[in-house]
Amino acid sequence: MMSLNQRILLSASLVLLVFIVGIAVALDRAFYDSARLGVQDRMLARILLLMGDAEVDAKGTLYMPSNLLDSEFSRPDAATYAFIIDQTENITWQSTSAFNKTIPAQTPLKKGTKDFELRIIGEEPHFIYSFGVAWATEFGTYPLTFVVITDTHLLDAQIERYREDLWGWLAVMAVLLLITQMLVLRWGLSPMRQVSSELAAIESGQQEDMKGDYPRELKQLTDSINSLINHERKQQKRYRNGLADLAHSLKTPLTILRGTINTEENPQNKTNTINEQVDRMDNIVQYQLRRAATAGSSPGMRLVSLRSIADKIVNTVKKAHHNKQPIVTIAIDSCIGLRIDEGDLMELLGNLLDNAFKWCHQSIRLSARYKQDNVALEIEDDGPGIKHHEIAKILERGVRADQSTPGHGIGLTIVRDIVQVYGGTLAIDEYKTSGTRITICLKRY
């Protein structure tokens, strides 16, 4: 596939070629029309000079002097010649330059009528200019038609010289324009080459992100690339941290298991301890895997409808808590959306609603609204609430599954981690008789 620079250069060259050819054709036609009009004006001027030389007596006899004002007609080898005809198409006079030349048949013209045409005479093109006059004498008027004929050699030679000059200069201008276009393209596409160079440097590990100063057309692209790079780097860091936390969290259960196997003699106690630690290890593994899989915000994420996900999660949680039938109110407009991974959103809402169903008495309310550039999501229940000292533990950074309060530990810890990854905030109201309200604020975009 051709490079972007080659495509633009080829396109510009084709456009320039079409433009040059169009300009050349237009200028050539304009020059030809102008040159032909000049020939017409010169031939009319010669007819007027012939009229100035002509004399008609009272009987209508035409007299022309031997020395004409236009000496061109007096040379036998001249390319221009003239003749005069009367109303009966008889030639009453012809110039010396007309000798040995073909005199074409010409129709007399009425008074004041002019005619200019290109006609083939003797297999060669000639211009013919005719002018009809009515010569007035004291005994009457005598119609005459003055005719001047010239070949096209002079005009053809003039047009040929013009075309040579025209195409020569246009070729020079085309080369200069192409060179200028190449320089302009090189300058204009230099930010693209810089982007390519920086991407290659990032790929080879020479730099971590896009550092160049780019025009606004590319600024959004480079910012998105940096966001994607940072997102990927954070994702890798979360996986590494998750694996480290998992290894660290498993040390205690493994130590207990080893000690139990080696020291516990009561079979029932040993079985109970082993089952307890296996369940604990399973919870730790599930929790750390969920933490590591949290996607986080990315510029390429699609907008997820909050209402549709909320309806789906509520229906699912209702089935899990089929023994309780609270009144669930969903106050979320269908137009409200979040740029968030759908799995993360389902995990977040699932844990919050699961806790709400677990602790509520009769009602749960799930609502969302736009709050400036954020979406404020609220989950309320009419349960016993959460005590102040438990809130501090739940929201403390770094709390692990085996350190969490039963009933509010791992679920809310996962919610906290997801909210932190997306740069949001989480707030839990202190204990009240009316229940618990959890407020989460996440960026709209």
Protein backbone atom coordinates (compact mmCIF):
# COMPACT_ATOMS: atom_id res chain seq x y z
CA MET A 1 0.00 0.00 0.00
CA MET A 2 1.24 3.48 -0.87
CA SER A 3 2.35 5.74 1.95
CA LEU A 4 0.29 8.76 2.94
CA ASN A 5 2.97 11.08 1.55
CA GLN A 6 2.96 9.26 -1.79
CA ARG A 7 -0.82 9.33 -2.01
CA ILE A 8 -1.03 13.05 -1.37
CA LEU A 9 1.85 13.78 -3.76
CA LEU A 10 0.28 11.63 -6.51
CA SER A 11 -3.12 13.25 -5.98
CA ALA A 12 -1.59 16.74 -6.03
CA SER A 13 0.37 15.88 -9.19
CA LEU A 14 -2.76 14.64 -10.97
CA VAL A 15 -4.72 17.73 -9.92
CA LEU A 16 -1.83 19.95 -11.04
CA LEU A 17 -1.61 18.13 -14.39
CA VAL A 18 -5.33 18.57 -15.03
CA PHE A 19 -5.08 22.22 -13.96
CA ILE A 20 -2.06 22.90 -16.21
CA VAL A 21 -3.69 21.23 -19.22
CA GLY A 22 -6.93 23.12 -18.61
CA ILE A 23 -5.09 26.43 -18.27
CA ALA A 24 -3.06 25.70 -21.42
CA VAL A 25 -6.16 24.89 -23.48
CA ALA A 26 -7.97 27.99 -22.20
CA LEU A 27 -5.00 30.30 -22.85
CA ASP A 28 -4.40 28.75 -26.27
CA ARG A 29 -8.01 29.28 -27.26
CA ALA A 30 -8.02 32.82 -25.90
CA PHE A 31 -4.81 33.66 -27.79
CA TYR A 32 -6.14 32.15 -31.03
CA ASP A 33 -9.37 34.15 -30.76
CA SER A 34 -7.38 37.29 -29.98
CA ALA A 35 -4.96 36.70 -32.88
CA ARG A 36 -7.83 36.02 -35.28
CA LEU A 37 -9.55 39.21 -34.14
CA GLY A 38 -6.27 41.05 -34.77
CA VAL A 39 -6.15 39.66 -38.33
CA GLN A 40 -9.74 40.76 -38.82
CA ASP A 41 -8.95 44.30 -37.62
CA ARG A 42 -5.88 44.54 -39.86
CA MET A 43 -7.85 43.38 -42.90
CA LEU A 44 -10.58 45.92 -42.15
CA ALA A 45 -7.93 48.63 -41.91
CA ARG A 46 -6.61 47.64 -45.34
CA ILE A 47 -10.11 47.77 -46.81
CA LEU A 48 -10.51 51.28 -45.40
CA LEU A 49 -7.17 52.26 -47.01
CA LEU A 50 -8.42 50.87 -50.33
CA MET A 51 -11.56 52.95 -49.96
CA GLY A 52 -9.39 55.99 -49.40
CA ASP A 53 -7.55 55.28 -52.68
CA ALA A 54 -10.69 54.56 -54.72
CA GLU A 55 -12.35 57.14 -56.97
CA VAL A 56 -15.68 56.73 -58.80
CA ASP A 57 -16.72 59.18 -61.58
CA ALA A 58 -20.21 60.33 -62.41
CA LYS A 59 -20.70 57.40 -64.78
CA GLY A 60 -19.81 54.91 -62.06
CA THR A 61 -16.35 54.07 -63.40
CA LEU A 62 -13.87 53.04 -60.68
CA TYR A 63 -10.35 54.45 -60.69
CA MET A 64 -7.53 53.20 -58.47
CA PRO A 65 -4.07 54.90 -58.36
CA SER A 66 -0.95 52.95 -59.22
CA ASN A 67 0.66 53.83 -55.87
CA LEU A 68 -1.67 52.58 -53.22
CA LEU A 69 -1.56 53.72 -49.59
CA ASP A 70 -1.02 50.09 -48.59
CA SER A 71 2.10 49.02 -50.45
CA GLU A 72 1.40 45.34 -49.61
CA PHE A 73 -1.05 45.17 -52.50
CA SER A 74 1.61 46.42 -54.97
CA ARG A 75 3.96 43.44 -54.44
CA PRO A 76 3.30 40.37 -56.63
CA ASP A 77 4.76 38.03 -53.98
CA ALA A 78 2.65 39.41 -51.13
CA ALA A 79 0.49 37.01 -49.14
CA THR A 80 -2.36 39.53 -49.06
CA TYR A 81 -4.34 40.60 -52.09
CA ALA A 82 -7.57 42.45 -52.81
CA PHE A 83 -10.20 42.96 -55.44
CA ILE A 84 -13.40 44.96 -55.93
CA ILE A 85 -16.61 43.66 -57.48
CA ASP A 86 -19.76 45.43 -58.56
CA GLN A 87 -23.36 44.42 -58.12
CA THR A 88 -23.17 41.99 -61.04
CA GLU A 89 -20.22 40.13 -59.46
CA ASN A 90 -17.83 41.46 -62.08
CA ILE A 91 -14.33 42.25 -60.86
CA THR A 92 -13.81 45.96 -61.46
CA TRP A 93 -10.32 46.02 -59.93
CA GLN A 94 -7.73 43.68 -58.43
CA SER A 95 -4.41 44.43 -56.77
CA THR A 96 -1.00 43.65 -58.26
CA SER A 97 -0.51 41.06 -55.48
CA ALA A 98 -3.56 39.18 -56.84
CA PHE A 99 -1.76 38.18 -60.06
CA ASN A 100 -1.20 34.42 -60.32
CA LYS A 101 -3.54 33.88 -57.39
CA THR A 102 -6.97 32.30 -57.33
CA ILE A 103 -9.82 34.77 -57.17
CA PRO A 104 -12.72 33.02 -55.42
CA ALA A 105 -16.31 33.69 -56.31
CA GLN A 106 -17.73 36.30 -54.03
CA THR A 107 -21.30 37.43 -53.52
CA PRO A 108 -21.83 41.23 -53.49
CA LEU A 109 -22.82 42.62 -50.10
CA LYS A 110 -25.35 45.25 -49.24
CA LYS A 111 -24.33 48.68 -48.07
CA GLY A 112 -22.66 48.63 -44.66
CA THR A 113 -22.53 44.82 -44.52
CA LYS A 114 -19.31 43.13 -43.39
CA ASP A 115 -18.30 39.49 -43.67
CA PHE A 116 -15.25 37.72 -42.26
CA GLU A 117 -14.68 34.02 -42.90
CA LEU A 118 -12.08 31.28 -43.21
CA ARG A 119 -12.21 29.52 -46.57
CA ILE A 120 -10.08 26.91 -48.32
CA ILE A 121 -8.58 28.38 -51.51
CA GLY A 122 -6.23 26.20 -53.51
CA GLU A 123 -6.16 23.55 -50.75
CA GLU A 124 -4.95 26.09 -48.18
CA PRO A 125 -6.94 28.07 -45.64
CA HIS A 126 -7.38 31.81 -46.24
CA PHE A 127 -9.11 34.62 -44.39
CA ILE A 128 -11.58 36.61 -46.50
CA TYR A 129 -12.91 39.99 -45.41
CA SER A 130 -15.69 41.61 -47.46
CA PHE A 131 -17.19 45.05 -47.04
CA GLY A 132 -20.23 46.28 -48.97
CA VAL A 133 -20.51 50.01 -49.77
CA ALA A 134 -22.75 52.23 -51.91
CA TRP A 135 -20.59 54.82 -53.64
CA ALA A 136 -22.55 58.05 -54.03
CA THR A 137 -22.08 60.43 -56.97
CA GLU A 138 -24.13 63.37 -58.26
CA PHE A 139 -25.87 61.03 -60.72
CA GLY A 140 -26.62 58.22 -58.25
CA THR A 141 -25.06 55.51 -56.10
CA TYR A 142 -23.00 52.56 -57.29
CA PRO A 143 -22.82 49.41 -55.08
CA LEU A 144 -19.32 48.01 -54.65
CA THR A 145 -17.87 45.21 -52.52
CA PHE A 146 -14.26 45.47 -51.33
CA VAL A 147 -12.61 42.10 -50.67
CA VAL A 148 -9.26 41.46 -48.98
CA ILE A 149 -7.77 37.94 -48.81
CA THR A 150 -4.75 36.75 -46.85
CA ASP A 151 -3.37 33.30 -46.05
CA THR A 152 -3.03 31.94 -42.51
CA HIS A 153 0.73 31.33 -42.57
CA LEU A 154 1.54 34.36 -40.45
CA LEU A 155 -1.18 33.55 -37.94
CA ASP A 156 -0.14 29.87 -37.79
CA ALA A 157 3.49 30.80 -37.21
CA GLN A 158 2.46 33.25 -34.48
CA ILE A 159 0.30 30.64 -32.74
CA GLU A 160 3.08 28.05 -33.04
CA ARG A 161 5.57 30.35 -31.36
CA TYR A 162 3.03 31.18 -28.68
CA ARG A 163 2.32 27.52 -27.99
CA GLU A 164 6.02 26.72 -27.70
CA ASP A 165 6.48 29.54 -25.22
CA LEU A 166 3.25 28.66 -23.39
CA TRP A 167 4.04 24.97 -22.89
CA GLY A 168 7.64 25.74 -22.04
CA TRP A 169 6.72 28.17 -19.31
CA LEU A 170 3.89 25.97 -18.05
CA ALA A 171 6.30 23.03 -17.84
CA VAL A 172 8.73 25.15 -15.83
CA MET A 173 5.90 26.33 -13.57
CA ALA A 174 4.65 22.75 -13.15
CA VAL A 175 8.10 21.57 -12.05
CA LEU A 176 8.42 24.49 -9.64
CA LEU A 177 4.94 23.85 -8.26
CA LEU A 178 5.68 20.14 -7.81
CA ILE A 179 8.90 20.93 -5.97
CA THR A 180 7.06 23.47 -3.83
CA GLN A 181 4.28 20.93 -3.22
CA MET A 182 6.83 18.33 -2.11
CA LEU A 183 8.42 20.79 0.30
CA VAL A 184 5.02 21.86 1.64
CA LEU A 185 3.95 18.23 2.05
CA ARG A 186 7.19 17.39 3.79
CA TRP A 187 6.67 20.29 6.18
CA GLY A 188 2.94 19.62 6.62
CA LEU A 189 3.37 15.89 7.27
CA SER A 190 6.35 16.28 9.58
CA PRO A 191 4.08 15.88 12.68
CA MET A 192 2.91 12.54 11.27
CA ARG A 193 6.50 11.40 10.83
CA GLN A 194 7.19 12.56 14.38
CA VAL A 195 4.24 10.47 15.62
CA SER A 196 5.61 7.45 13.76
CA SER A 197 9.09 8.00 15.20
CA GLU A 198 7.76 8.37 18.74
CA LEU A 199 5.64 5.21 18.38
CA ALA A 200 8.72 3.32 17.18
CA ALA A 201 10.67 4.67 20.16
CA ILE A 202 7.89 3.59 22.54
CA GLU A 203 7.79 0.14 20.94
CA SER A 204 11.57 -0.23 21.30
CA GLY A 205 11.44 0.97 24.92
CA GLN A 206 13.42 4.19 24.36
CA GLN A 207 10.59 6.33 25.75
CA GLU A 208 7.41 5.74 27.72
CA ASP A 209 4.83 7.99 26.02
CA MET A 210 4.22 10.66 23.35
CA LYS A 211 6.17 13.77 24.33
CA GLY A 212 6.05 15.92 21.18
CA ASP A 213 4.18 19.20 20.74
CA TYR A 214 1.61 18.49 18.02
CA PRO A 215 -0.97 20.63 16.17
CA ARG A 216 -4.55 20.45 17.40
CA GLU A 217 -5.57 18.05 14.59
CA LEU A 218 -3.16 15.45 16.00
CA LYS A 219 -3.31 16.49 19.64
CA GLN A 220 -6.42 14.44 20.29
CA LEU A 221 -4.81 11.39 18.65
CA THR A 222 -1.58 11.64 20.65
CA ASP A 223 -3.50 12.28 23.87
CA SER A 224 -5.60 9.19 23.18
CA ILE A 225 -2.45 7.15 22.52
CA ASN A 226 -0.96 8.34 25.81
CA SER A 227 -4.22 7.49 27.60
CA LEU A 228 -4.20 4.00 26.10
CA ILE A 229 -0.53 3.52 27.04
CA ASN A 230 -1.18 4.69 30.60
CA HIS A 231 -4.27 2.51 30.80
CA GLU A 232 -2.32 -0.54 29.65
CA ARG A 233 0.53 0.25 32.03
CA LYS A 234 -1.91 0.59 34.95
CA GLN A 235 -3.59 -2.65 33.93
CA GLN A 236 -0.27 -4.48 33.94
CA LYS A 237 0.56 -2.95 37.31
CA ARG A 238 -2.77 -4.12 38.70
CA TYR A 239 -2.07 -7.66 37.52
CA ARG A 240 1.38 -7.62 39.08
CA ASN A 241 0.05 -6.16 42.33
CA GLY A 242 -2.82 -8.62 42.32
CA LEU A 243 -0.48 -11.55 41.93
CA ALA A 244 1.79 -10.17 44.67
CA ASP A 245 -1.18 -9.61 46.98
CA LEU A 246 -2.49 -13.08 46.18
CA ALA A 247 0.83 -14.69 47.01
CA HIS A 248 1.10 -12.67 50.19
CA SER A 249 -2.49 -13.42 51.25
CA LEU A 250 -2.07 -17.16 50.71
CA LYS A 251 0.96 -17.40 53.00
CA THR A 252 -1.12 -17.33 56.20
CA PRO A 253 -3.66 -20.02 55.17
CA LEU A 254 -0.88 -22.21 53.83
CA THR A 255 1.06 -21.85 57.09
CA ILE A 256 -2.04 -22.78 59.06
CA LEU A 257 -2.67 -25.79 56.82
CA ARG A 258 0.90 -26.99 57.17
CA GLY A 259 0.77 -26.59 60.94
CA THR A 260 -2.59 -28.34 61.18
CA ILE A 261 -1.47 -31.30 59.08
CA ASN A 262 1.71 -31.69 61.08
CA THR A 263 0.42 -31.01 64.63
CA GLU A 264 -3.35 -31.55 64.85
CA GLU A 265 -4.18 -35.07 65.99
CA ASN A 266 -7.96 -34.79 66.25
CA PRO A 267 -9.33 -35.82 62.82
CA GLN A 268 -12.50 -33.74 63.14
CA ASN A 269 -10.61 -30.61 64.15
CA LYS A 270 -8.13 -31.19 61.35
CA THR A 271 -10.93 -31.57 58.79
CA ASN A 272 -12.70 -28.46 60.04
CA THR A 273 -9.50 -26.41 59.96
CA ILE A 274 -8.59 -27.62 56.47
CA ASN A 275 -12.08 -26.85 55.11
CA GLU A 276 -12.05 -23.44 56.75
CA GLN A 277 -8.67 -22.51 55.29
CA VAL A 278 -9.58 -23.88 51.84
CA ASP A 279 -12.71 -21.71 51.81
CA ARG A 280 -10.65 -18.78 52.95
CA MET A 281 -8.08 -19.37 50.17
CA ASP A 282 -10.90 -19.66 47.61
CA ASN A 283 -12.31 -16.30 48.72
CA ILE A 284 -8.86 -14.73 48.53
CA VAL A 285 -8.24 -16.09 45.02
CA GLN A 286 -11.67 -14.90 43.75
CA TYR A 287 -11.19 -11.48 45.28
CA GLN A 288 -7.70 -10.91 43.91
CA LEU A 289 -8.68 -12.14 40.45
CA ARG A 290 -11.57 -9.70 40.37
CA ARG A 291 -9.33 -6.86 41.48
CA ALA A 292 -6.78 -7.65 38.79
CA ALA A 293 -9.46 -7.93 36.09
CA THR A 294 -10.90 -4.47 36.77
CA ALA A 295 -10.55 -2.81 33.38
CA GLY A 296 -10.44 0.86 34.29
CA SER A 297 -11.32 3.78 32.01
CA SER A 298 -10.09 3.85 28.43
CA PRO A 299 -10.66 6.39 25.62
CA GLY A 300 -11.88 3.63 23.31
CA MET A 301 -14.67 2.38 25.60
CA ARG A 302 -18.24 2.62 24.39
CA LEU A 303 -20.96 4.37 26.38
CA VAL A 304 -22.93 1.88 28.53
CA SER A 305 -26.58 2.51 29.38
CA LEU A 306 -26.86 2.52 33.17
CA ARG A 307 -30.60 1.78 33.26
CA SER A 308 -30.39 -1.44 31.21
CA ILE A 309 -27.55 -2.85 33.34
CA ALA A 310 -29.38 -1.88 36.54
CA ASP A 311 -32.56 -3.71 35.42
CA LYS A 312 -30.53 -6.81 34.56
CA ILE A 313 -28.66 -6.86 37.89
CA VAL A 314 -31.84 -6.26 39.95
CA ASN A 315 -33.57 -9.22 38.26
CA THR A 316 -30.52 -11.43 38.90
CA VAL A 317 -30.16 -10.46 42.57
CA LYS A 318 -33.91 -10.99 43.14
CA LYS A 319 -33.49 -14.61 42.08
CA ALA A 320 -30.51 -15.05 44.43
CA HIS A 321 -32.57 -13.63 47.35
CA HIS A 322 -35.88 -15.23 46.43
CA ASN A 323 -36.77 -15.55 50.12
CA LYS A 324 -37.00 -11.75 50.41
CA GLN A 325 -39.38 -9.61 48.37
CA PRO A 326 -38.47 -5.94 49.05
CA ILE A 327 -39.89 -3.07 47.03
CA VAL A 328 -37.13 -2.06 44.59
CA THR A 329 -37.38 1.41 43.05
CA ILE A 330 -35.14 2.24 40.09
CA ALA A 331 -35.00 5.99 39.41
CA ILE A 332 -32.55 6.09 36.50
CA ASP A 333 -33.26 7.92 33.26
CA SER A 334 -32.61 5.82 30.14
CA CYS A 335 -30.37 8.56 28.67
CA ILE A 336 -27.82 8.31 31.50
CA GLY A 337 -24.67 6.46 30.41
CA LEU A 338 -21.16 5.77 31.62
CA ARG A 339 -17.96 5.13 29.69
CA ILE A 340 -17.10 2.03 31.72
CA ASP A 341 -16.43 -1.63 31.08
CA GLU A 342 -19.75 -3.47 31.23
CA GLY A 343 -18.27 -6.25 33.37
CA ASP A 344 -16.93 -3.73 35.89
CA LEU A 345 -20.31 -1.99 36.05
CA MET A 346 -22.12 -5.29 36.60
CA GLU A 347 -19.61 -6.27 39.32
CA LEU A 348 -20.05 -2.90 41.02
CA LEU A 349 -23.87 -2.90 40.94
CA GLY A 350 -24.04 -6.59 41.74
CA ASN A 351 -22.07 -6.24 44.98
CA LEU A 352 -23.97 -3.12 46.08
CA LEU A 353 -27.40 -4.61 45.38
CA ASP A 354 -26.44 -7.93 46.93
CA ASN A 355 -25.53 -6.13 50.17
CA ALA A 356 -28.72 -4.05 49.95
CA PHE A 357 -30.89 -7.16 49.55
CA LYS A 358 -29.01 -8.91 52.36
CA TRP A 359 -29.56 -6.13 54.95
CA CYS A 360 -32.80 -4.39 53.87
CA HIS A 361 -36.18 -4.85 55.58
CA GLN A 362 -38.79 -3.78 53.03
CA SER A 363 -37.41 -1.32 50.45
CA ILE A 364 -34.41 -0.57 48.23
CA ARG A 365 -33.95 2.50 46.06
CA LEU A 366 -31.46 2.74 43.19
CA SER A 367 -31.10 6.18 41.57
CA ALA A 368 -28.72 8.08 39.32
CA ARG A 369 -28.39 11.66 38.07
CA TYR A 370 -25.94 13.89 36.28
CA LYS A 371 -23.88 16.04 38.63
CA GLN A 372 -21.77 18.44 36.54
CA ASP A 373 -19.28 16.19 34.70
CA ASN A 374 -20.06 13.17 36.89
CA VAL A 375 -22.81 10.62 37.30
CA ALA A 376 -23.97 10.28 40.92
CA LEU A 377 -25.21 6.75 41.66
CA GLU A 378 -27.05 6.12 44.94
CA ILE A 379 -28.16 2.84 46.55
CA GLU A 380 -30.39 3.15 49.63
CA ASP A 381 -31.91 0.47 51.86
CA ASP A 382 -33.98 0.51 55.04
CA GLY A 383 -31.75 -1.97 56.89
CA PRO A 384 -29.93 -1.52 60.19
CA GLY A 385 -27.17 0.61 58.61
CA ILE A 386 -23.41 0.49 59.02
CA LYS A 387 -21.70 1.67 62.16
CA HIS A 388 -19.18 4.46 62.01
CA HIS A 389 -16.13 2.36 62.91
CA GLU A 390 -17.09 -0.24 60.27
CA ILE A 391 -17.25 2.48 57.58
CA ALA A 392 -13.68 3.49 58.35
CA LYS A 393 -12.51 -0.11 58.00
CA ILE A 394 -14.40 -0.71 54.77
CA LEU A 395 -13.06 2.43 53.06
CA GLU A 396 -9.50 2.05 54.33
CA ARG A 397 -7.05 1.69 51.44
CA GLY A 398 -5.39 -1.74 51.29
CA VAL A 399 -8.01 -3.73 53.25
CA ARG A 400 -7.85 -7.39 52.14
CA ALA A 401 -10.49 -10.08 52.06
CA ASP A 402 -9.34 -11.83 55.22
CA GLN A 403 -9.43 -8.54 57.14
CA SER A 404 -12.93 -7.45 56.11
CA THR A 405 -16.02 -7.28 58.30
CA PRO A 406 -18.42 -10.17 57.60
CA GLY A 407 -21.31 -9.14 55.45
CA HIS A 408 -19.71 -5.88 54.25
CA GLY A 409 -16.13 -6.94 53.51
CA ILE A 410 -15.18 -8.43 50.17
CA GLY A 411 -18.15 -7.00 48.21
CA LEU A 412 -17.63 -3.39 49.25
CA THR A 413 -13.87 -3.78 48.94
CA ILE A 414 -14.31 -4.79 45.30
CA VAL A 415 -16.65 -1.82 44.79
CA ARG A 416 -14.07 0.48 46.37
CA ASP A 417 -11.30 -0.84 44.09
CA ILE A 418 -13.43 -0.47 40.94
CA VAL A 419 -14.38 3.10 41.87
CA GLN A 420 -10.72 3.98 42.54
CA VAL A 421 -9.62 2.54 39.19
CA TYR A 422 -12.13 4.76 37.36
CA GLY A 423 -11.10 7.84 39.34
CA GLY A 424 -14.41 8.11 41.17
CA THR A 425 -15.44 8.59 44.78
CA LEU A 426 -17.40 6.39 47.20
CA ALA A 427 -19.23 7.63 50.29
CA ILE A 428 -21.25 5.70 52.90
CA ASP A 429 -23.64 7.46 55.25
CA GLU A 430 -23.14 6.83 58.97
CA TYR A 431 -25.48 4.59 60.90
CA LYS A 432 -29.07 5.86 60.91
CA THR A 433 -32.38 4.30 61.79
CA SER A 434 -33.49 4.80 58.21
CA GLY A 435 -30.82 2.46 56.82
CA THR A 436 -27.75 2.87 54.63
CA ARG A 437 -27.09 5.07 51.62
CA ILE A 438 -24.02 4.49 49.44
CA THR A 439 -23.16 7.26 46.95
CA ILE A 440 -20.76 6.70 44.08
CA CYS A 441 -19.60 9.45 41.70
CA LEU A 442 -18.03 8.42 38.38
CA LYS A 443 -16.95 10.55 35.43
CA ARG A 444 -19.42 10.76 32.58
CA TYR A 445 -16.76 10.44 29.84
